[in-house]
Amino acid sequence: MASHSPSSADDATGTPPRSVWRTFPWFVVGFVIAALVNSLGWLPAGASAVLPTAAKALITFAMAGVGLNTDLRDARRIGAAPMAVGLIGAGVMAVVSYALLRWAL
């Protein structure tokens, strides 16, 4: 009996595999570069003072964008289980983050 394994052109669903580089979260590279530039002291003092305010504004815009693109009908359609997993994951991250901050400070 011969076994068949999907070729590199398709997976079990028949769709072509995605390249790691196409799915890589490139914003992570930006975060690493920003941290490196800040750590090396390459930012002028004026920029360092303004960046926390700019960061808060950009995070607010990003969260608003996520909220504005959320369709509650889709959330209801997928059911409670994925929502519960997300809520539990967020809770675990919050507790671990709080514990690490308390431990570090």
C-alpha atoms as a PDB file:
ATOM      1  CA  MET A   1       0.000   0.000   0.000  1.00  0.00           C
ATOM      2  CA  ALA A   2       1.546   3.295  -1.079  1.00  0.00           C
ATOM      3  CA  SER A   3       1.183   6.423   0.987  1.00  0.00           C
ATOM      4  CA  HIS A   4       0.687   9.827  -0.508  1.00  0.00           C
ATOM      5  CA  SER A   5       2.136  12.928   1.036  1.00  0.00           C
ATOM      6  CA  PRO A   6       1.168  16.367  -0.213  1.00  0.00           C
ATOM      7  CA  SER A   7       3.736  17.948  -2.468  1.00  0.00           C
ATOM      8  CA  SER A   8       5.249  21.336  -1.806  1.00  0.00           C
ATOM      9  CA  ALA A   9       2.694  22.783  -4.217  1.00  0.00           C
ATOM     10  CA  ASP A  10      -0.270  21.942  -2.012  1.00  0.00           C
ATOM     11  CA  ASP A  11      -1.220  20.845   1.467  1.00  0.00           C
ATOM     12  CA  ALA A  12      -4.089  18.603   2.581  1.00  0.00           C
ATOM     13  CA  THR A  13      -6.625  21.250   1.562  1.00  0.00           C
ATOM     14  CA  GLY A  14      -5.168  21.693  -1.905  1.00  0.00           C
ATOM     15  CA  THR A  15      -4.029  25.255  -1.293  1.00  0.00           C
ATOM     16  CA  PRO A  16      -0.423  26.284  -1.896  1.00  0.00           C
ATOM     17  CA  PRO A  17       1.738  26.655   1.226  1.00  0.00           C
ATOM     18  CA  ARG A  18       2.468  30.170   2.428  1.00  0.00           C
ATOM     19  CA  SER A  19       6.024  31.344   2.638  1.00  0.00           C
ATOM     20  CA  VAL A  20       7.395  32.125   6.087  1.00  0.00           C
ATOM     21  CA  TRP A  21       8.482  35.520   4.804  1.00  0.00           C
ATOM     22  CA  ARG A  22       4.969  36.357   3.604  1.00  0.00           C
ATOM     23  CA  THR A  23       3.465  35.541   6.992  1.00  0.00           C
ATOM     24  CA  PHE A  24       6.265  36.990   9.134  1.00  0.00           C
ATOM     25  CA  PRO A  25       5.029  39.882  11.317  1.00  0.00           C
ATOM     26  CA  TRP A  26       7.364  42.569   9.956  1.00  0.00           C
ATOM     27  CA  PHE A  27       6.300  45.107  12.585  1.00  0.00           C
ATOM     28  CA  VAL A  28       8.391  43.065  15.039  1.00  0.00           C
ATOM     29  CA  VAL A  29      11.503  44.119  13.100  1.00  0.00           C
ATOM     30  CA  GLY A  30      10.421  47.745  13.514  1.00  0.00           C
ATOM     31  CA  PHE A  31       9.998  47.251  17.261  1.00  0.00           C
ATOM     32  CA  VAL A  32      13.460  45.715  17.555  1.00  0.00           C
ATOM     33  CA  ILE A  33      15.041  48.544  15.545  1.00  0.00           C
ATOM     34  CA  ALA A  34      13.220  51.176  17.631  1.00  0.00           C
ATOM     35  CA  ALA A  35      14.371  49.518  20.865  1.00  0.00           C
ATOM     36  CA  LEU A  36      17.934  49.343  19.570  1.00  0.00           C
ATOM     37  CA  VAL A  37      17.965  53.006  18.490  1.00  0.00           C
ATOM     38  CA  ASN A  38      16.569  54.061  21.866  1.00  0.00           C
ATOM     39  CA  SER A  39      18.938  51.822  23.840  1.00  0.00           C
ATOM     40  CA  LEU A  40      21.974  53.146  21.994  1.00  0.00           C
ATOM     41  CA  GLY A  41      20.922  56.719  22.785  1.00  0.00           C
ATOM     42  CA  TRP A  42      20.607  57.755  19.153  1.00  0.00           C
ATOM     43  CA  LEU A  43      17.349  59.647  19.777  1.00  0.00           C
ATOM     44  CA  PRO A  44      17.519  63.337  20.633  1.00  0.00           C
ATOM     45  CA  ALA A  45      16.138  64.294  24.049  1.00  0.00           C
ATOM     46  CA  GLY A  46      13.195  66.134  22.504  1.00  0.00           C
ATOM     47  CA  ALA A  47      12.106  63.070  20.551  1.00  0.00           C
ATOM     48  CA  SER A  48      12.369  60.847  23.611  1.00  0.00           C
ATOM     49  CA  ALA A  49      10.025  63.186  25.478  1.00  0.00           C
ATOM     50  CA  VAL A  50       7.360  63.176  22.723  1.00  0.00           C
ATOM     51  CA  LEU A  51       7.423  59.465  21.856  1.00  0.00           C
ATOM     52  CA  PRO A  52       5.413  58.169  24.863  1.00  0.00           C
ATOM     53  CA  THR A  53       2.524  60.488  23.973  1.00  0.00           C
ATOM     54  CA  ALA A  54       2.739  59.509  20.304  1.00  0.00           C
ATOM     55  CA  ALA A  55       2.816  55.817  21.262  1.00  0.00           C
ATOM     56  CA  LYS A  56      -0.357  56.175  23.347  1.00  0.00           C
ATOM     57  CA  ALA A  57      -2.120  57.931  20.471  1.00  0.00           C
ATOM     58  CA  LEU A  58      -1.052  55.284  17.939  1.00  0.00           C
ATOM     59  CA  ILE A  59      -2.149  52.427  20.210  1.00  0.00           C
ATOM     60  CA  THR A  60      -5.503  54.168  20.675  1.00  0.00           C
ATOM     61  CA  PHE A  61      -5.911  54.477  16.899  1.00  0.00           C
ATOM     62  CA  ALA A  62      -4.967  50.822  16.402  1.00  0.00           C
ATOM     63  CA  MET A  63      -7.453  49.614  19.014  1.00  0.00           C
ATOM     64  CA  ALA A  64     -10.161  51.808  17.501  1.00  0.00           C
ATOM     65  CA  GLY A  65      -9.394  50.292  14.103  1.00  0.00           C
ATOM     66  CA  VAL A  66      -9.753  46.789  15.495  1.00  0.00           C
ATOM     67  CA  GLY A  67     -13.045  47.711  17.141  1.00  0.00           C
ATOM     68  CA  LEU A  68     -14.418  49.377  14.028  1.00  0.00           C
ATOM     69  CA  ASN A  69     -13.597  46.273  11.962  1.00  0.00           C
ATOM     70  CA  THR A  70     -15.283  43.896  14.409  1.00  0.00           C
ATOM     71  CA  ASP A  71     -18.593  42.462  13.233  1.00  0.00           C
ATOM     72  CA  LEU A  72     -20.650  41.200  16.165  1.00  0.00           C
ATOM     73  CA  ARG A  73     -22.660  38.942  13.817  1.00  0.00           C
ATOM     74  CA  ASP A  74     -19.425  37.105  12.969  1.00  0.00           C
ATOM     75  CA  ALA A  75     -18.571  36.805  16.659  1.00  0.00           C
ATOM     76  CA  ARG A  76     -22.004  35.332  17.369  1.00  0.00           C
ATOM     77  CA  ARG A  77     -21.676  32.966  14.402  1.00  0.00           C
ATOM     78  CA  ILE A  78     -18.369  31.441  15.556  1.00  0.00           C
ATOM     79  CA  GLY A  79     -19.833  30.677  18.975  1.00  0.00           C
ATOM     80  CA  ALA A  80     -18.826  31.052  22.574  1.00  0.00           C
ATOM     81  CA  ALA A  81     -15.899  28.601  22.682  1.00  0.00           C
ATOM     82  CA  PRO A  82     -13.372  30.717  20.699  1.00  0.00           C
ATOM     83  CA  MET A  83     -14.480  33.812  22.609  1.00  0.00           C
ATOM     84  CA  ALA A  84     -13.954  31.978  25.914  1.00  0.00           C
ATOM     85  CA  VAL A  85     -10.487  30.823  24.818  1.00  0.00           C
ATOM     86  CA  GLY A  86      -9.561  34.403  23.912  1.00  0.00           C
ATOM     87  CA  LEU A  87     -10.902  35.722  27.211  1.00  0.00           C
ATOM     88  CA  ILE A  88      -9.040  33.065  29.204  1.00  0.00           C
ATOM     89  CA  GLY A  89      -5.843  33.776  27.258  1.00  0.00           C
ATOM     90  CA  ALA A  90      -6.161  37.499  27.909  1.00  0.00           C
ATOM     91  CA  GLY A  91      -6.787  36.815  31.593  1.00  0.00           C
ATOM     92  CA  VAL A  92      -3.733  34.566  31.871  1.00  0.00           C
ATOM     93  CA  MET A  93      -1.575  37.204  30.142  1.00  0.00           C
ATOM     94  CA  ALA A  94      -2.875  39.882  32.510  1.00  0.00           C
ATOM     95  CA  VAL A  95      -2.155  37.812  35.616  1.00  0.00           C
ATOM     96  CA  VAL A  96       1.320  36.769  34.413  1.00  0.00           C
ATOM     97  CA  SER A  97       2.163  40.358  33.389  1.00  0.00           C
ATOM     98  CA  TYR A  98       1.042  41.695  36.763  1.00  0.00           C
ATOM     99  CA  ALA A  99       3.015  38.999  38.602  1.00  0.00           C
ATOM    100  CA  LEU A 100       6.156  39.734  36.580  1.00  0.00           C
ATOM    101  CA  LEU A 101       5.833  43.468  37.229  1.00  0.00           C
ATOM    102  CA  ARG A 102       5.364  42.905  40.956  1.00  0.00           C
ATOM    103  CA  TRP A 103       8.362  40.557  40.990  1.00  0.00           C
ATOM    104  CA  ALA A 104      10.593  42.906  38.972  1.00  0.00           C
ATOM    105  CA  LEU A 105       9.748  46.041  40.919  1.00  0.00           C
END
